[in-house]
């Protein structure tokens, strides 16, 4: 996905603002399995996914809880680092080889100060991230695992083809055995 498409997906920008943003962007490629952001560290960059898929997770006891997936066009950010310049709590792992647009948080803050359109883009970016978090929390609190799985099928069907079932089960807050049962019931309804 092109940088301009990703920027406009968040908030439509004038061409001069896109040009100014692009001057600070570096394209980077990382291999599957790479940890892009580490828990307990301040992440000083923001990434926009050009190609690939990532997951955010946290360690709890002896296992990992996946709470977010990102794919083409999505921003990848440790919000705690971005907003408060504090150590993040999440690991962000590449589930495929990925191509990113990377911009330093400091450069982005300077762009916000100089360009009202980019400042509005940053506000919209933060608002959209808040809405994603709110939707995830509401889903986990008020929907059954089967309902959450059906939402995933409707809104992100490509994840089922590109992400290991163990990560999907973790994201849904269930075991792989429970996910298998839900999947078999869905298949029975379809056929």
Protein backbone atom coordinates (compact mmCIF):
# COMPACT_ATOMS: atom_id res chain seq x y z
CA UNK A 1 0.00 0.00 0.00
CA UNK A 2 1.34 3.42 -0.88
CA UNK A 3 2.20 5.95 1.82
CA UNK A 4 -0.30 8.52 0.52
CA UNK A 5 -3.09 5.92 0.62
CA UNK A 6 -2.29 5.06 4.24
CA UNK A 7 -2.15 8.72 5.26
CA UNK A 8 -5.46 9.50 3.57
CA UNK A 9 -7.06 6.41 5.12
CA UNK A 10 -6.52 8.03 8.52
CA UNK A 11 -7.26 11.62 7.50
CA UNK A 12 -7.31 13.26 4.06
CA UNK A 13 -4.27 15.53 3.73
CA UNK A 14 -3.30 18.19 1.19
CA UNK A 15 -0.48 17.18 -1.15
CA UNK A 16 2.01 19.57 0.48
CA UNK A 17 1.41 17.96 3.89
CA UNK A 18 1.90 14.49 2.41
CA UNK A 19 5.11 15.67 0.78
CA UNK A 20 6.39 17.09 4.09
CA UNK A 21 5.49 13.87 5.91
CA UNK A 22 7.21 11.72 3.28
CA UNK A 23 10.47 13.68 3.66
CA UNK A 24 10.86 12.20 7.15
CA UNK A 25 9.85 8.65 6.28
CA UNK A 26 12.26 5.76 5.88
CA UNK A 27 11.19 2.50 4.25
CA UNK A 28 12.27 -0.57 6.20
CA UNK A 29 11.90 -4.30 5.70
CA UNK A 30 11.95 -6.85 8.50
CA UNK A 31 11.66 -10.64 8.54
CA UNK A 32 8.89 -12.76 9.99
CA UNK A 33 9.41 -13.31 13.72
CA UNK A 34 11.18 -9.99 14.29
CA UNK A 35 10.10 -8.08 17.41
CA UNK A 36 9.41 -4.56 16.19
CA UNK A 37 8.54 -3.10 19.60
CA UNK A 38 9.65 -4.55 22.92
CA UNK A 39 7.76 -4.43 26.19
CA UNK A 40 9.51 -2.39 28.83
CA UNK A 41 11.15 -0.03 26.33
CA UNK A 42 10.19 3.36 24.97
CA UNK A 43 9.45 3.02 21.26
CA UNK A 44 10.67 6.12 19.46
CA UNK A 45 9.19 5.33 16.03
CA UNK A 46 5.82 4.92 14.42
CA UNK A 47 5.37 2.45 11.59
CA UNK A 48 2.80 2.27 8.82
CA UNK A 49 2.40 -1.17 7.28
CA UNK A 50 3.05 -1.16 3.56
CA UNK A 51 2.94 -4.96 3.31
CA UNK A 52 2.62 -7.72 5.89
CA UNK A 53 0.92 -8.51 9.15
CA UNK A 54 1.89 -8.04 12.81
CA UNK A 55 0.45 -8.81 16.21
CA UNK A 56 0.65 -7.05 19.56
CA UNK A 57 0.75 -9.20 22.65
CA UNK A 58 1.65 -9.14 26.31
CA UNK A 59 3.08 -11.86 28.54
CA UNK A 60 0.93 -12.97 31.41
CA UNK A 61 2.31 -15.70 33.57
CA UNK A 62 3.45 -18.49 31.32
CA UNK A 63 1.57 -17.51 28.16
CA UNK A 64 0.96 -14.67 25.74
CA UNK A 65 -2.23 -12.72 25.20
CA UNK A 66 -2.66 -11.34 21.68
CA UNK A 67 -4.80 -8.21 21.70
CA UNK A 68 -4.28 -6.65 18.28
CA UNK A 69 -3.41 -7.52 14.69
CA UNK A 70 -2.21 -5.01 12.10
CA UNK A 71 -2.14 -5.45 8.34
CA UNK A 72 -1.55 -3.39 5.22
CA UNK A 73 -2.48 0.24 5.78
CA UNK A 74 -2.49 0.05 9.57
CA UNK A 75 -0.29 2.09 11.89
CA UNK A 76 1.92 0.24 14.36
CA UNK A 77 2.57 2.18 17.52
CA UNK A 78 3.09 1.75 21.21
CA UNK A 79 0.49 4.28 22.32
CA UNK A 80 2.04 4.59 25.76
CA UNK A 81 5.37 5.58 24.19
CA UNK A 82 3.71 7.81 21.58
CA UNK A 83 1.45 9.72 23.97
CA UNK A 84 3.36 9.71 27.27
CA UNK A 85 6.95 8.90 26.24
CA UNK A 86 6.84 5.94 28.63
CA UNK A 87 7.85 2.32 28.33
CA UNK A 88 5.36 0.24 26.39
CA UNK A 89 3.75 -2.86 27.80
CA UNK A 90 3.39 -4.77 24.53
CA UNK A 91 5.55 -6.80 22.20
CA UNK A 92 4.86 -6.31 18.51
CA UNK A 93 5.90 -9.30 16.44
CA UNK A 94 5.95 -9.73 12.68
CA UNK A 95 3.83 -12.67 11.52
CA UNK A 96 5.05 -12.28 7.93
CA UNK A 97 7.98 -10.55 6.28
CA UNK A 98 6.95 -6.89 6.43
CA UNK A 99 7.63 -3.62 4.65
CA UNK A 100 7.03 -0.47 6.70
CA UNK A 101 7.11 3.28 6.41
CA UNK A 102 8.92 4.41 9.57
CA UNK A 103 8.89 7.89 11.06
CA UNK A 104 10.51 9.02 14.30
CA UNK A 105 8.02 10.21 16.92
CA UNK A 106 10.12 13.34 17.45
CA UNK A 107 10.00 14.20 13.73
CA UNK A 108 6.26 13.65 13.72
CA UNK A 109 5.82 15.97 16.72
CA UNK A 110 7.78 18.66 14.86
CA UNK A 111 5.57 18.20 11.80
CA UNK A 112 2.48 18.57 13.99
CA UNK A 113 3.83 21.88 15.32
CA UNK A 114 4.47 23.26 11.82
CA UNK A 115 1.47 21.95 9.85
CA UNK A 116 -2.12 22.18 11.11
CA UNK A 117 -3.22 19.52 8.60
CA UNK A 118 -0.68 17.07 9.99
CA UNK A 119 -1.67 18.04 13.54
CA UNK A 120 -5.25 17.17 12.63
CA UNK A 121 -4.02 13.93 11.07
CA UNK A 122 -2.31 13.11 14.39
CA UNK A 123 -5.48 13.89 16.35
CA UNK A 124 -7.53 11.67 14.04
CA UNK A 125 -4.90 8.93 14.26
CA UNK A 126 -5.11 8.94 18.08
CA UNK A 127 -8.93 9.01 17.98
CA UNK A 128 -9.06 5.98 15.66
CA UNK A 129 -6.65 4.06 17.89
CA UNK A 130 -8.86 4.87 20.90
CA UNK A 131 -11.95 3.61 19.07
CA UNK A 132 -10.17 0.34 18.15
CA UNK A 133 -9.24 -0.18 21.79
CA UNK A 134 -12.77 0.61 22.97
CA UNK A 135 -14.31 -1.80 20.44
CA UNK A 136 -11.94 -4.56 21.51
CA UNK A 137 -12.71 -4.05 25.21
CA UNK A 138 -16.47 -3.95 24.62
CA UNK A 139 -16.27 -7.08 22.49
CA UNK A 140 -14.31 -8.94 25.19
CA UNK A 141 -16.73 -7.86 27.92
CA UNK A 142 -20.11 -8.30 26.27
CA UNK A 143 -19.81 -10.86 23.48
CA UNK A 144 -19.36 -14.59 23.58
CA UNK A 145 -16.31 -16.20 22.01
CA UNK A 146 -18.50 -17.41 19.12
CA UNK A 147 -19.78 -13.86 18.54
CA UNK A 148 -16.21 -12.51 18.61
CA UNK A 149 -15.15 -15.16 16.09
CA UNK A 150 -18.06 -14.23 13.80
CA UNK A 151 -17.04 -10.55 14.02
CA UNK A 152 -13.54 -11.56 12.99
CA UNK A 153 -14.90 -13.49 10.00
CA UNK A 154 -16.99 -10.49 8.93
CA UNK A 155 -14.47 -7.68 9.53
CA UNK A 156 -11.08 -9.38 9.04
CA UNK A 157 -11.54 -12.64 7.12
CA UNK A 158 -7.97 -12.49 5.75
CA UNK A 159 -6.60 -12.97 9.27
CA UNK A 160 -7.94 -16.52 9.26
CA UNK A 161 -5.76 -17.28 6.23
CA UNK A 162 -2.64 -15.42 7.38
CA UNK A 163 -2.46 -15.91 11.15
CA UNK A 164 -1.83 -19.06 13.19
CA UNK A 165 -4.91 -20.36 14.96
CA UNK A 166 -3.12 -20.17 18.32
CA UNK A 167 -2.76 -16.40 17.93
CA UNK A 168 -6.41 -16.07 16.87
CA UNK A 169 -7.55 -18.13 19.87
CA UNK A 170 -5.46 -15.91 22.15
CA UNK A 171 -6.97 -12.79 20.56
CA UNK A 172 -10.47 -14.18 21.13
CA UNK A 173 -9.60 -15.05 24.73
CA UNK A 174 -10.12 -18.79 24.35
CA UNK A 175 -8.12 -21.99 23.97
CA UNK A 176 -7.32 -23.54 20.60
CA UNK A 177 -9.63 -26.44 21.48
CA UNK A 178 -12.52 -24.02 22.05
CA UNK A 179 -11.70 -22.25 18.79
CA UNK A 180 -11.78 -25.60 16.95
CA UNK A 181 -15.25 -26.31 18.38
CA UNK A 182 -16.51 -22.87 17.34
CA UNK A 183 -15.03 -23.27 13.85
CA UNK A 184 -16.67 -26.68 13.38
CA UNK A 185 -20.07 -25.26 14.41
CA UNK A 186 -19.64 -22.37 11.95
CA UNK A 187 -18.76 -24.84 9.17
CA UNK A 188 -21.87 -26.91 9.96
CA UNK A 189 -24.06 -23.80 9.67
CA UNK A 190 -22.45 -22.80 6.35
CA UNK A 191 -22.76 -26.26 4.77
